[in-house]
Protein backbone atom coordinates (compact mmCIF):
# COMPACT_ATOMS: atom_id res chain seq x y z
CA UNK A 1 0.00 0.01 -0.01
CA UNK A 2 2.78 2.42 0.93
CA UNK A 3 4.72 1.62 -2.26
CA UNK A 4 1.59 2.14 -4.36
CA UNK A 5 1.03 5.53 -2.78
CA UNK A 6 4.69 6.48 -3.42
CA UNK A 7 4.30 5.60 -7.05
CA UNK A 8 1.29 7.94 -7.28
CA UNK A 9 3.26 10.74 -5.59
CA UNK A 10 6.21 10.24 -7.95
CA UNK A 11 3.79 10.17 -10.90
CA UNK A 12 2.42 13.59 -10.01
CA UNK A 13 5.89 15.03 -9.29
CA UNK A 14 7.60 13.70 -12.42
CA UNK A 15 4.48 14.28 -14.56
CA UNK A 16 4.17 17.84 -13.28
CA UNK A 17 7.85 18.50 -14.05
CA UNK A 18 7.54 17.16 -17.59
CA UNK A 19 4.31 19.03 -18.19
CA UNK A 20 5.91 22.21 -16.88
CA UNK A 21 8.82 21.76 -19.29
CA UNK A 22 6.45 21.81 -22.30
CA UNK A 23 6.96 25.31 -23.59
CA UNK A 24 3.63 25.98 -25.29
CA UNK A 25 4.53 29.63 -25.84
CA UNK A 26 7.45 28.46 -27.91
CA UNK A 27 5.77 25.54 -29.67
CA UNK A 28 2.39 26.90 -30.75
CA UNK A 29 3.62 30.12 -32.47
CA UNK A 30 6.27 28.11 -34.23
CA UNK A 31 3.83 25.43 -35.42
CA UNK A 32 0.87 27.60 -36.40
CA UNK A 33 2.41 31.00 -37.23
CA UNK A 34 6.00 30.05 -38.04
CA UNK A 35 7.21 32.58 -35.49
CA UNK A 36 10.06 31.86 -33.06
CA UNK A 37 9.17 34.16 -30.16
CA UNK A 38 12.51 33.57 -28.42
CA UNK A 39 14.42 34.65 -31.51
CA UNK A 40 12.42 37.81 -32.27
CA UNK A 41 12.06 39.10 -28.69
CA UNK A 42 14.61 41.26 -26.90
CA UNK A 43 14.81 39.09 -23.82
CA UNK A 44 14.69 35.78 -25.73
CA UNK A 45 12.19 34.43 -23.19
CA UNK A 46 9.90 31.62 -24.41
CA UNK A 47 6.96 32.98 -22.44
CA UNK A 48 3.40 34.08 -23.19
CA UNK A 49 4.20 37.83 -22.82
CA UNK A 50 6.30 37.68 -25.96
CA UNK A 51 3.53 35.72 -27.70
CA UNK A 52 1.10 38.59 -26.97
CA UNK A 53 3.63 41.08 -28.38
CA UNK A 54 4.67 39.22 -31.53
CA UNK A 55 1.69 36.96 -32.30
CA UNK A 56 -1.39 38.80 -31.13
CA UNK A 57 -4.04 38.35 -28.40
CA UNK A 58 -5.65 35.13 -29.62
CA UNK A 59 -2.37 33.14 -29.65
CA UNK A 60 -1.28 34.98 -26.51
CA UNK A 61 -4.40 33.99 -24.58
CA UNK A 62 -4.09 30.40 -25.81
CA UNK A 63 -0.50 30.13 -24.58
CA UNK A 64 -1.29 31.93 -21.31
CA UNK A 65 -4.15 29.47 -20.63
CA UNK A 66 -1.90 26.46 -21.33
CA UNK A 67 0.88 27.87 -19.10
CA UNK A 68 -1.62 28.33 -16.30
CA UNK A 69 -3.14 24.90 -16.83
CA UNK A 70 0.19 23.04 -16.70
CA UNK A 71 0.63 24.39 -13.18
CA UNK A 72 -3.04 24.02 -12.23
CA UNK A 73 -3.78 20.48 -13.31
CA UNK A 74 -1.15 18.50 -11.32
CA UNK A 75 -1.97 20.43 -8.13
CA UNK A 76 -5.72 20.30 -8.53
CA UNK A 77 -5.82 16.60 -9.39
CA UNK A 78 -3.41 15.63 -6.58
CA UNK A 79 -5.66 17.42 -4.08
CA UNK A 80 -8.51 15.13 -5.08
CA UNK A 81 -6.72 11.83 -4.39
CA UNK A 82 -3.69 12.49 -2.17
CA UNK A 83 -3.07 13.89 1.30
CA UNK A 84 -2.10 17.54 0.92
CA UNK A 85 -0.66 17.57 4.45
CA UNK A 86 2.15 15.26 3.33
CA UNK A 87 5.45 17.00 2.65
CA UNK A 88 5.49 15.24 -0.72
CA UNK A 89 2.77 17.65 -1.72
CA UNK A 90 5.28 20.50 -1.58
CA UNK A 91 7.18 18.81 -4.42
CA UNK A 92 3.97 18.53 -6.43
CA UNK A 93 3.67 22.32 -6.11
CA UNK A 94 7.28 22.95 -7.09
CA UNK A 95 7.58 20.42 -9.96
CA UNK A 96 5.73 22.31 -12.76
CA UNK A 97 7.52 25.55 -11.92
CA UNK A 98 10.91 23.85 -11.89
CA UNK A 99 10.07 22.14 -15.17
CA UNK A 100 9.20 25.46 -16.75
CA UNK A 101 12.35 27.07 -15.38
CA UNK A 102 14.71 24.35 -16.60
CA UNK A 103 12.72 23.11 -19.62
CA UNK A 104 14.66 19.97 -20.62
CA UNK A 105 12.10 19.43 -23.38
CA UNK A 106 13.07 22.84 -24.87
CA UNK A 107 16.83 22.29 -24.88
CA UNK A 108 17.03 23.69 -21.31
CA UNK A 109 15.81 27.08 -22.49
CA UNK A 110 13.28 27.76 -19.73
CA UNK A 111 10.84 30.55 -19.07
CA UNK A 112 10.28 32.98 -16.21
CA UNK A 113 7.61 30.84 -14.45
CA UNK A 114 5.11 33.58 -13.62
CA UNK A 115 2.05 32.14 -15.37
CA UNK A 116 2.85 28.58 -14.32
CA UNK A 117 3.25 29.69 -10.70
CA UNK A 118 -0.13 31.37 -10.74
CA UNK A 119 -1.58 28.17 -12.17
CA UNK A 120 -0.04 26.15 -9.30
CA UNK A 121 -1.50 28.53 -6.71
CA UNK A 122 -4.91 28.54 -8.42
CA UNK A 123 -4.90 24.78 -8.17
CA UNK A 124 -4.85 25.13 -4.36
CA UNK A 125 -8.39 26.54 -4.29
CA UNK A 126 -10.31 26.10 -2.01
CA UNK A 127 -7.66 24.76 0.37
CA UNK A 128 -6.05 28.16 0.46
CA UNK A 129 -6.44 31.49 -1.34
CA UNK A 130 -2.73 32.29 -1.13
CA UNK A 131 -2.71 33.16 -4.85
CA UNK A 132 -4.40 36.42 -3.89
CA UNK A 133 -1.36 37.36 -1.83
CA UNK A 134 0.98 37.01 -4.78
CA UNK A 135 -1.42 38.91 -7.07
CA UNK A 136 -1.70 41.74 -4.53
CA UNK A 137 2.08 42.03 -4.14
CA UNK A 138 2.50 42.19 -7.93
CA UNK A 139 -0.18 44.87 -8.22
CA UNK A 140 1.51 47.00 -5.50
CA UNK A 141 4.95 46.64 -7.08
CA UNK A 142 3.50 47.49 -10.52
CA UNK A 143 1.42 50.53 -9.51
CA UNK A 144 2.11 52.02 -6.06
CA UNK A 145 5.68 51.04 -5.35
CA UNK A 146 6.93 50.60 -8.90
CA UNK A 147 9.95 48.43 -9.29
CA UNK A 148 11.72 48.26 -12.67
CA UNK A 149 12.87 46.33 -14.59
CA UNK A 150 10.43 43.43 -14.58
CA UNK A 151 13.02 40.93 -13.40
CA UNK A 152 13.81 42.91 -10.25
CA UNK A 153 10.05 43.33 -9.66
CA UNK A 154 9.60 39.55 -9.83
CA UNK A 155 12.55 38.93 -7.48
CA UNK A 156 11.13 41.41 -4.95
CA UNK A 157 7.59 40.10 -5.30
CA UNK A 158 8.52 36.45 -4.85
CA UNK A 159 10.87 37.23 -2.01
CA UNK A 160 8.05 38.97 -0.14
CA UNK A 161 5.56 36.32 -1.12
CA UNK A 162 7.82 33.58 0.25
CA UNK A 163 8.10 35.29 3.61
CA UNK A 164 4.41 36.21 3.96
CA UNK A 165 3.10 32.87 2.70
CA UNK A 166 5.35 31.07 5.22
CA UNK A 167 3.99 33.16 8.07
CA UNK A 168 0.35 32.83 7.00
CA UNK A 169 0.34 29.10 6.16
CA UNK A 170 2.28 27.99 9.24
CA UNK A 171 -0.28 29.72 11.43
CA UNK A 172 -2.94 27.67 9.61
CA UNK A 173 -0.86 24.43 10.04
CA UNK A 174 -0.56 24.06 6.25
CA UNK A 175 3.10 23.10 6.43
CA UNK A 176 3.35 21.28 3.14
CA UNK A 177 1.79 24.19 1.25
CA UNK A 178 4.09 26.62 3.05
CA UNK A 179 7.15 24.57 2.03
CA UNK A 180 5.84 24.37 -1.54
CA UNK A 181 5.41 28.14 -1.69
CA UNK A 182 8.96 28.60 -0.42
CA UNK A 183 10.31 26.19 -3.02
CA UNK A 184 8.35 27.93 -5.82
CA UNK A 185 9.58 31.33 -4.67
CA UNK A 186 13.21 30.18 -4.62
CA UNK A 187 12.92 28.71 -8.12
CA UNK A 188 11.43 31.90 -9.55
CA UNK A 189 13.99 34.09 -7.77
CA UNK A 190 16.79 31.89 -9.08
CA UNK A 191 15.41 32.02 -12.61
CA UNK A 192 15.06 35.80 -12.63
CA UNK A 193 18.40 36.37 -10.85
CA UNK A 194 20.11 34.26 -13.51
CA UNK A 195 18.52 36.42 -16.23
CA UNK A 196 19.56 39.62 -14.46
CA UNK A 197 23.18 38.45 -14.12
CA UNK A 198 23.29 37.42 -17.78
CA UNK A 199 21.95 40.78 -18.94
CA UNK A 200 24.49 42.61 -16.79
CA UNK A 201 27.30 40.47 -18.24
CA UNK A 202 26.15 41.21 -21.80
CA UNK A 203 25.95 44.92 -21.11
CA UNK A 204 29.59 45.02 -20.01
CA UNK A 205 30.90 43.25 -23.12
């Protein structure tokens, strides 16, 4: 029984990672519009923002929905059949985001993980509404306390989200979700920090 349950956990973790590494914002424009969004964009990011810019709203919304769903589905489905209080659940939360960040199915050219992270957090409804915390922080840093460029904004937002989500979720005894939010925050911060360092290196050449 224990081994069967472990296989299910590993299925969700590995499956979520592989699903996260499917770069729909790279694949769909290339297949249907013959546009390589990574090649034509300034930041070379295979994300849905560049799809909106270079391919229009219909393709952009399609890719955004798929990026959200690849984070949402593994989390939502695992909540239906597994124990979310298990620490293994934190890896289910982190797996799609890590897959999107590393993207082995896209020659290790990953994205910035924002949409996939929101999909993961949306998958936690109704167990927790912690996604509203991340959305609120992003709104504040985009309007009231503006932080530019976008990469620094994301680093600040996820740093704050990691701290606040830990405080909130531990008080509610949702330890596995708290750990998952920390892991997700660290992945996104690492991904954006790497991009910032690479841009700084290019600017000095």
